[in-house]
Amino acid sequence: MAAADKYPPGVGKVALVTVVHGEAYEQHANRLYESACEFFMPNRGWEFIQLEGRPGWPDATLYRYHVIREHWQEHKMARLTHVFMSDADMVFEGYVGDEILGDWGITATEHPGYVGKARSELPYETRYPSKARVPDVWGERYYCGGFIGGEVHAFRQMCNRLRWRIDYDRDKLGMVATWHDESYLNAVLAVHEPEITLTPAYCYPDQDDWYRTFWPMDYPRLLVAVDKPAHERGDR
């Protein structure tokens, strides 16, 4: 069954997008959708868009912004006001609403493993001349790749910037950033800062014991990164 048949078309102006490859992640996407029907944008119409990602690791995540842009016209995303991308292996456990909607820019989520950390502890790409490199004078927060979005034109522009950096490194330099698409995302956001920064509540680790030892505060479990077996981690 095609993704378009599984997920009824929305009637709103907000899209929740996930890019997946492999049966295991298709099942995760189903659970993401089911939880979103209960907790995501309860006072708005929205639609769920599942796209077929590229196979293999790290291509399954590295190229997901490419995949979104390749299907931009097909899904008529320009008619939307906001687009949000989530990892497929996430589940909504609490209400997520208009607080994530900005007016003009990107909405990004602080990485649960690095919230409150000093600049020197953030895992930015440091290798020169990678286009994921973040010089020491830039960057104050490290953002996760699991939930990212924003105003539709800002999101489209962000996708374009990410595609260019990723393609440059692979095609010109024969390299990939250490943390793949997340490294490139942080390089872009270090220059073009988000309009809205969300707490780790929007990428909450399923097993939180270690994180809670250094978090500056308690966060609610709004959007949870589901713990999964090791054999599932090669696809997305």
C-alpha atoms as a PDB file:
ATOM      1  CA  MET A   1       0.000   0.000   0.000  1.00  0.00           C
ATOM      2  CA  ALA A   2       1.383   3.409  -0.950  1.00  0.00           C
ATOM      3  CA  ALA A   3       1.933   6.015   1.756  1.00  0.00           C
ATOM      4  CA  ALA A   4      -0.625   8.270   0.098  1.00  0.00           C
ATOM      5  CA  ASP A   5      -3.252   5.544   0.530  1.00  0.00           C
ATOM      6  CA  LYS A   6      -2.425   4.925   4.192  1.00  0.00           C
ATOM      7  CA  TYR A   7      -2.555   8.527   5.311  1.00  0.00           C
ATOM      8  CA  PRO A   8      -5.663  10.556   4.420  1.00  0.00           C
ATOM      9  CA  PRO A   9      -4.950  13.955   2.851  1.00  0.00           C
ATOM     10  CA  GLY A  10      -4.996  16.856   5.281  1.00  0.00           C
ATOM     11  CA  VAL A  11      -7.074  19.983   5.066  1.00  0.00           C
ATOM     12  CA  GLY A  12      -4.688  22.397   6.748  1.00  0.00           C
ATOM     13  CA  LYS A  13      -1.581  24.341   5.933  1.00  0.00           C
ATOM     14  CA  VAL A  14       0.909  22.433   8.104  1.00  0.00           C
ATOM     15  CA  ALA A  15       2.724  19.278   6.985  1.00  0.00           C
ATOM     16  CA  LEU A  16       4.511  16.673   9.080  1.00  0.00           C
ATOM     17  CA  VAL A  17       7.027  14.919   6.835  1.00  0.00           C
ATOM     18  CA  THR A  18       9.080  11.799   7.411  1.00  0.00           C
ATOM     19  CA  VAL A  19      11.555  10.169   5.043  1.00  0.00           C
ATOM     20  CA  VAL A  20      11.918   6.411   5.474  1.00  0.00           C
ATOM     21  CA  HIS A  21      13.526   3.380   3.915  1.00  0.00           C
ATOM     22  CA  GLY A  22      12.899  -0.191   4.933  1.00  0.00           C
ATOM     23  CA  GLU A  23      10.017  -2.122   6.427  1.00  0.00           C
ATOM     24  CA  ALA A  24      11.002  -1.473  10.044  1.00  0.00           C
ATOM     25  CA  TYR A  25      10.932   2.290   9.561  1.00  0.00           C
ATOM     26  CA  GLU A  26       7.683   2.141   7.637  1.00  0.00           C
ATOM     27  CA  GLN A  27       6.194   0.551  10.740  1.00  0.00           C
ATOM     28  CA  HIS A  28       7.709   3.305  12.858  1.00  0.00           C
ATOM     29  CA  ALA A  29       6.148   5.850  10.502  1.00  0.00           C
ATOM     30  CA  ASN A  30       2.731   4.279  11.061  1.00  0.00           C
ATOM     31  CA  ARG A  31       3.123   4.697  14.815  1.00  0.00           C
ATOM     32  CA  LEU A  32       4.315   8.265  14.367  1.00  0.00           C
ATOM     33  CA  TYR A  33       1.216   9.044  12.319  1.00  0.00           C
ATOM     34  CA  GLU A  34      -1.148   7.374  14.781  1.00  0.00           C
ATOM     35  CA  SER A  35       0.299   9.347  17.685  1.00  0.00           C
ATOM     36  CA  ALA A  36       0.223  12.568  15.658  1.00  0.00           C
ATOM     37  CA  CYS A  37      -3.499  12.090  15.055  1.00  0.00           C
ATOM     38  CA  GLU A  38      -3.966  12.355  18.799  1.00  0.00           C
ATOM     39  CA  PHE A  39      -1.392  14.943  19.820  1.00  0.00           C
ATOM     40  CA  PHE A  40      -0.110  16.994  16.847  1.00  0.00           C
ATOM     41  CA  MET A  41      -1.799  20.302  16.059  1.00  0.00           C
ATOM     42  CA  PRO A  42      -5.124  19.301  17.651  1.00  0.00           C
ATOM     43  CA  ASN A  43      -6.736  22.644  16.795  1.00  0.00           C
ATOM     44  CA  ARG A  44      -5.546  22.754  13.184  1.00  0.00           C
ATOM     45  CA  GLY A  45      -5.819  20.760  10.036  1.00  0.00           C
ATOM     46  CA  TRP A  46      -2.543  19.168   8.969  1.00  0.00           C
ATOM     47  CA  GLU A  47      -1.280  16.456   6.695  1.00  0.00           C
ATOM     48  CA  PHE A  48       1.243  13.650   6.955  1.00  0.00           C
ATOM     49  CA  ILE A  49       3.690  13.088   4.115  1.00  0.00           C
ATOM     50  CA  GLN A  50       5.799   9.927   4.013  1.00  0.00           C
ATOM     51  CA  LEU A  51       8.564   9.874   1.414  1.00  0.00           C
ATOM     52  CA  GLU A  52      10.736   6.988   0.270  1.00  0.00           C
ATOM     53  CA  GLY A  53      14.312   7.588   1.356  1.00  0.00           C
ATOM     54  CA  ARG A  54      17.529   6.350  -0.132  1.00  0.00           C
ATOM     55  CA  PRO A  55      18.860   2.961   0.950  1.00  0.00           C
ATOM     56  CA  GLY A  56      21.896   2.322   3.098  1.00  0.00           C
ATOM     57  CA  TRP A  57      23.745   4.112   5.837  1.00  0.00           C
ATOM     58  CA  PRO A  58      24.299   7.022   6.124  1.00  0.00           C
ATOM     59  CA  ASP A  59      22.483   7.858   2.873  1.00  0.00           C
ATOM     60  CA  ALA A  60      19.080   7.130   4.410  1.00  0.00           C
ATOM     61  CA  THR A  61      19.403  10.199   6.640  1.00  0.00           C
ATOM     62  CA  LEU A  62      22.101  12.156   4.829  1.00  0.00           C
ATOM     63  CA  TYR A  63      19.969  12.647   1.736  1.00  0.00           C
ATOM     64  CA  ARG A  64      16.548  13.177   3.272  1.00  0.00           C
ATOM     65  CA  TYR A  65      16.587  16.910   2.505  1.00  0.00           C
ATOM     66  CA  HIS A  66      17.351  16.017  -1.086  1.00  0.00           C
ATOM     67  CA  VAL A  67      14.341  13.695  -1.089  1.00  0.00           C
ATOM     68  CA  ILE A  68      12.059  16.384   0.317  1.00  0.00           C
ATOM     69  CA  ARG A  69      13.108  18.865  -2.372  1.00  0.00           C
ATOM     70  CA  GLU A  70      12.730  16.224  -5.084  1.00  0.00           C
ATOM     71  CA  HIS A  71       9.087  15.760  -4.052  1.00  0.00           C
ATOM     72  CA  TRP A  72       8.349  19.423  -3.300  1.00  0.00           C
ATOM     73  CA  GLN A  73       6.251  20.046  -6.391  1.00  0.00           C
ATOM     74  CA  GLU A  74       4.577  16.646  -6.318  1.00  0.00           C
ATOM     75  CA  HIS A  75       3.127  17.353  -2.880  1.00  0.00           C
ATOM     76  CA  LYS A  76       2.518  21.031  -3.639  1.00  0.00           C
ATOM     77  CA  MET A  77       4.355  22.088  -0.520  1.00  0.00           C
ATOM     78  CA  ALA A  78       4.442  25.717  -1.622  1.00  0.00           C
ATOM     79  CA  ARG A  79       0.736  25.953  -0.708  1.00  0.00           C
ATOM     80  CA  LEU A  80       1.576  25.208   2.936  1.00  0.00           C
ATOM     81  CA  THR A  81       2.475  27.700   5.628  1.00  0.00           C
ATOM     82  CA  HIS A  82       4.779  25.411   7.646  1.00  0.00           C
ATOM     83  CA  VAL A  83       6.658  22.161   7.097  1.00  0.00           C
ATOM     84  CA  PHE A  84       8.108  19.981   9.860  1.00  0.00           C
ATOM     85  CA  MET A  85      10.303  16.936   9.405  1.00  0.00           C
ATOM     86  CA  SER A  86      10.441  14.205  12.035  1.00  0.00           C
ATOM     87  CA  ASP A  87      12.440  11.024  12.305  1.00  0.00           C
ATOM     88  CA  ALA A  88      10.099   8.134  11.671  1.00  0.00           C
ATOM     89  CA  ASP A  89      11.044   6.444  14.941  1.00  0.00           C
ATOM     90  CA  MET A  90       9.411   9.133  17.066  1.00  0.00           C
ATOM     91  CA  VAL A  91       6.100   9.055  18.909  1.00  0.00           C
ATOM     92  CA  PHE A  92       4.008  11.933  20.206  1.00  0.00           C
ATOM     93  CA  GLU A  93       3.165  11.505  23.885  1.00  0.00           C
ATOM     94  CA  GLY A  94       2.010  15.047  24.611  1.00  0.00           C
ATOM     95  CA  TYR A  95       0.292  17.891  22.798  1.00  0.00           C
ATOM     96  CA  VAL A  96       2.337  19.841  20.266  1.00  0.00           C
ATOM     97  CA  GLY A  97       0.601  22.907  18.921  1.00  0.00           C
ATOM     98  CA  ASP A  98       1.008  26.476  17.762  1.00  0.00           C
ATOM     99  CA  GLU A  99       4.052  27.093  19.953  1.00  0.00           C
ATOM    100  CA  ILE A 100       6.208  25.569  17.198  1.00  0.00           C
ATOM    101  CA  LEU A 101       4.874  27.885  14.471  1.00  0.00           C
ATOM    102  CA  GLY A 102       7.069  30.871  13.709  1.00  0.00           C
ATOM    103  CA  ASP A 103       6.354  33.800  11.423  1.00  0.00           C
ATOM    104  CA  TRP A 104       9.343  33.773   9.102  1.00  0.00           C
ATOM    105  CA  GLY A 105      12.052  31.297  10.054  1.00  0.00           C
ATOM    106  CA  ILE A 106      13.156  27.894  11.209  1.00  0.00           C
ATOM    107  CA  THR A 107      12.040  26.048  14.323  1.00  0.00           C
ATOM    108  CA  ALA A 108      14.863  23.867  15.664  1.00  0.00           C
ATOM    109  CA  THR A 109      15.167  21.527  18.651  1.00  0.00           C
ATOM    110  CA  GLU A 110      18.063  21.524  21.083  1.00  0.00           C
ATOM    111  CA  HIS A 111      19.792  18.163  21.165  1.00  0.00           C
ATOM    112  CA  PRO A 112      18.950  16.372  24.433  1.00  0.00           C
ATOM    113  CA  GLY A 113      22.542  15.214  24.796  1.00  0.00           C
ATOM    114  CA  TYR A 114      24.038  18.700  24.650  1.00  0.00           C
ATOM    115  CA  VAL A 115      21.509  21.085  26.145  1.00  0.00           C
ATOM    116  CA  GLY A 116      23.218  23.386  28.629  1.00  0.00           C
ATOM    117  CA  LYS A 117      26.706  22.302  27.557  1.00  0.00           C
ATOM    118  CA  ALA A 118      29.588  24.709  26.994  1.00  0.00           C
ATOM    119  CA  ARG A 119      30.508  25.635  23.415  1.00  0.00           C
ATOM    120  CA  SER A 120      33.689  23.556  23.676  1.00  0.00           C
ATOM    121  CA  GLU A 121      31.610  20.415  24.382  1.00  0.00           C
ATOM    122  CA  LEU A 122      29.307  20.713  21.366  1.00  0.00           C
ATOM    123  CA  PRO A 123      30.087  18.123  18.657  1.00  0.00           C
ATOM    124  CA  TYR A 124      30.341  20.479  15.703  1.00  0.00           C
ATOM    125  CA  GLU A 125      32.248  19.293  12.662  1.00  0.00           C
ATOM    126  CA  THR A 126      35.815  20.645  12.907  1.00  0.00           C
ATOM    127  CA  ARG A 127      37.493  19.244   9.795  1.00  0.00           C
ATOM    128  CA  TYR A 128      38.560  21.741   7.170  1.00  0.00           C
ATOM    129  CA  PRO A 129      37.478  22.229   4.394  1.00  0.00           C
ATOM    130  CA  SER A 130      34.191  20.398   5.049  1.00  0.00           C
ATOM    131  CA  LYS A 131      31.115  22.544   4.484  1.00  0.00           C
ATOM    132  CA  ALA A 132      29.773  21.164   7.767  1.00  0.00           C
ATOM    133  CA  ARG A 133      32.611  22.783   9.718  1.00  0.00           C
ATOM    134  CA  VAL A 134      31.548  25.337  12.328  1.00  0.00           C
ATOM    135  CA  PRO A 135      34.356  27.779  13.201  1.00  0.00           C
ATOM    136  CA  ASP A 136      34.986  28.466  16.888  1.00  0.00           C
ATOM    137  CA  VAL A 137      33.470  31.952  16.676  1.00  0.00           C
ATOM    138  CA  TRP A 138      30.085  30.570  15.589  1.00  0.00           C
ATOM    139  CA  GLY A 139      27.486  28.454  17.288  1.00  0.00           C
ATOM    140  CA  GLU A 140      25.987  28.530  20.771  1.00  0.00           C
ATOM    141  CA  ARG A 141      23.587  25.579  20.692  1.00  0.00           C
ATOM    142  CA  TYR A 142      23.692  22.147  19.137  1.00  0.00           C
ATOM    143  CA  TYR A 143      20.467  21.085  17.431  1.00  0.00           C
ATOM    144  CA  CYS A 144      19.190  17.576  16.797  1.00  0.00           C
ATOM    145  CA  GLY A 145      18.136  16.301  13.398  1.00  0.00           C
ATOM    146  CA  GLY A 146      15.111  14.438  14.728  1.00  0.00           C
ATOM    147  CA  PHE A 147      12.593  17.289  14.619  1.00  0.00           C
ATOM    148  CA  ILE A 148      13.141  20.374  12.501  1.00  0.00           C
ATOM    149  CA  GLY A 149      10.852  22.628  10.501  1.00  0.00           C
ATOM    150  CA  GLY A 150       9.483  26.093  10.105  1.00  0.00           C
ATOM    151  CA  GLU A 151       7.841  28.563   7.780  1.00  0.00           C
ATOM    152  CA  VAL A 152       7.568  26.938   4.378  1.00  0.00           C
ATOM    153  CA  HIS A 153       9.861  29.291   2.432  1.00  0.00           C
ATOM    154  CA  ALA A 154      12.486  29.246   5.186  1.00  0.00           C
ATOM    155  CA  PHE A 155      12.346  25.460   5.302  1.00  0.00           C
ATOM    156  CA  ARG A 156      12.740  25.180   1.534  1.00  0.00           C
ATOM    157  CA  GLN A 157      15.746  27.510   1.631  1.00  0.00           C
ATOM    158  CA  MET A 158      17.268  25.494   4.474  1.00  0.00           C
ATOM    159  CA  CYS A 159      16.872  22.299   2.426  1.00  0.00           C
ATOM    160  CA  ASN A 160      18.661  23.957  -0.493  1.00  0.00           C
ATOM    161  CA  ARG A 161      21.541  25.066   1.715  1.00  0.00           C
ATOM    162  CA  LEU A 162      21.889  21.606   3.195  1.00  0.00           C
ATOM    163  CA  ARG A 163      21.827  19.925  -0.213  1.00  0.00           C
ATOM    164  CA  TRP A 164      24.585  22.201  -1.497  1.00  0.00           C
ATOM    165  CA  ARG A 165      26.856  21.551   1.498  1.00  0.00           C
ATOM    166  CA  ILE A 166      26.325  17.792   1.416  1.00  0.00           C
ATOM    167  CA  ASP A 167      26.883  17.571  -2.342  1.00  0.00           C
ATOM    168  CA  TYR A 168      30.011  19.728  -2.154  1.00  0.00           C
ATOM    169  CA  ASP A 169      31.609  17.522   0.478  1.00  0.00           C
ATOM    170  CA  ARG A 170      30.794  14.260  -1.297  1.00  0.00           C
ATOM    171  CA  ASP A 171      31.378  15.364  -4.888  1.00  0.00           C
ATOM    172  CA  LYS A 172      34.316  17.739  -4.436  1.00  0.00           C
ATOM    173  CA  LEU A 173      36.023  16.410  -1.313  1.00  0.00           C
ATOM    174  CA  GLY A 174      34.945  12.776  -1.142  1.00  0.00           C
ATOM    175  CA  MET A 175      33.934  13.109   2.483  1.00  0.00           C
ATOM    176  CA  VAL A 176      30.883  13.096   4.742  1.00  0.00           C
ATOM    177  CA  ALA A 177      30.540  15.037   7.975  1.00  0.00           C
ATOM    178  CA  THR A 178      30.993  13.136  11.224  1.00  0.00           C
ATOM    179  CA  TRP A 179      27.333  13.266  12.259  1.00  0.00           C
ATOM    180  CA  HIS A 180      25.984  13.226   8.714  1.00  0.00           C
ATOM    181  CA  ASP A 181      22.930  15.432   8.059  1.00  0.00           C
ATOM    182  CA  GLU A 182      22.908  16.666  11.665  1.00  0.00           C
ATOM    183  CA  SER A 183      26.404  18.134  11.251  1.00  0.00           C
ATOM    184  CA  TYR A 184      25.347  19.997   8.115  1.00  0.00           C
ATOM    185  CA  LEU A 185      22.166  21.164   9.813  1.00  0.00           C
ATOM    186  CA  ASN A 186      24.168  22.666  12.648  1.00  0.00           C
ATOM    187  CA  ALA A 187      26.524  24.359  10.216  1.00  0.00           C
ATOM    188  CA  VAL A 188      23.566  26.054   8.519  1.00  0.00           C
ATOM    189  CA  LEU A 189      21.886  27.026  11.797  1.00  0.00           C
ATOM    190  CA  ALA A 190      25.116  28.479  13.154  1.00  0.00           C
ATOM    191  CA  VAL A 191      24.965  31.031  10.330  1.00  0.00           C
ATOM    192  CA  HIS A 192      21.186  31.337   9.915  1.00  0.00           C
ATOM    193  CA  GLU A 193      19.872  31.157  13.467  1.00  0.00           C
ATOM    194  CA  PRO A 194      16.428  29.660  14.115  1.00  0.00           C
ATOM    195  CA  GLU A 195      13.476  31.868  14.838  1.00  0.00           C
ATOM    196  CA  ILE A 196      12.263  29.409  17.486  1.00  0.00           C
ATOM    197  CA  THR A 197      14.378  27.073  19.602  1.00  0.00           C
ATOM    198  CA  LEU A 198      12.524  24.156  21.172  1.00  0.00           C
ATOM    199  CA  THR A 199      13.625  22.288  24.273  1.00  0.00           C
ATOM    200  CA  PRO A 200      14.544  18.573  24.247  1.00  0.00           C
ATOM    201  CA  ALA A 201      10.882  17.890  25.069  1.00  0.00           C
ATOM    202  CA  TYR A 202      10.465  17.764  21.281  1.00  0.00           C
ATOM    203  CA  CYS A 203      13.117  15.073  20.844  1.00  0.00           C
ATOM    204  CA  TYR A 204      12.855  13.371  24.204  1.00  0.00           C
ATOM    205  CA  PRO A 205      15.026  10.258  24.672  1.00  0.00           C
ATOM    206  CA  ASP A 206      12.962   7.183  25.467  1.00  0.00           C
ATOM    207  CA  GLN A 207      15.512   6.106  28.082  1.00  0.00           C
ATOM    208  CA  ASP A 208      16.214   9.351  29.929  1.00  0.00           C
ATOM    209  CA  ASP A 209      18.140   8.348  33.071  1.00  0.00           C
ATOM    210  CA  TRP A 210      21.543   9.516  31.863  1.00  0.00           C
ATOM    211  CA  TYR A 211      20.223  12.738  30.330  1.00  0.00           C
ATOM    212  CA  ARG A 212      18.450  13.753  33.507  1.00  0.00           C
ATOM    213  CA  THR A 213      21.788  13.764  35.361  1.00  0.00           C
ATOM    214  CA  PHE A 214      22.862  16.947  33.566  1.00  0.00           C
ATOM    215  CA  TRP A 215      19.706  18.558  32.184  1.00  0.00           C
ATOM    216  CA  PRO A 216      19.185  22.026  33.645  1.00  0.00           C
ATOM    217  CA  MET A 217      15.485  21.274  34.192  1.00  0.00           C
ATOM    218  CA  ASP A 218      12.857  18.578  33.756  1.00  0.00           C
ATOM    219  CA  TYR A 219      11.220  18.406  30.344  1.00  0.00           C
ATOM    220  CA  PRO A 220       7.863  16.873  29.442  1.00  0.00           C
ATOM    221  CA  ARG A 221       7.764  13.883  27.075  1.00  0.00           C
ATOM    222  CA  LEU A 222       6.102  15.556  24.098  1.00  0.00           C
ATOM    223  CA  LEU A 223       7.813  13.935  21.113  1.00  0.00           C
ATOM    224  CA  VAL A 224       9.809  10.867  22.082  1.00  0.00           C
ATOM    225  CA  ALA A 225      12.712   9.245  20.229  1.00  0.00           C
ATOM    226  CA  VAL A 226      11.797   5.587  20.567  1.00  0.00           C
ATOM    227  CA  ASP A 227      14.466   3.220  21.822  1.00  0.00           C
ATOM    228  CA  LYS A 228      15.049   0.513  19.201  1.00  0.00           C
ATOM    229  CA  PRO A 229      17.227  -2.542  18.601  1.00  0.00           C
ATOM    230  CA  ALA A 230      20.654  -2.073  17.057  1.00  0.00           C
ATOM    231  CA  HIS A 231      19.765  -3.890  13.813  1.00  0.00           C
ATOM    232  CA  GLU A 232      17.251  -1.148  12.938  1.00  0.00           C
ATOM    233  CA  ARG A 233      19.744   1.708  13.114  1.00  0.00           C
ATOM    234  CA  GLY A 234      21.147   1.388   9.606  1.00  0.00           C
ATOM    235  CA  ASP A 235      18.033   2.670   7.832  1.00  0.00           C
ATOM    236  CA  ARG A 236      15.646   5.535   8.475  1.00  0.00           C
END
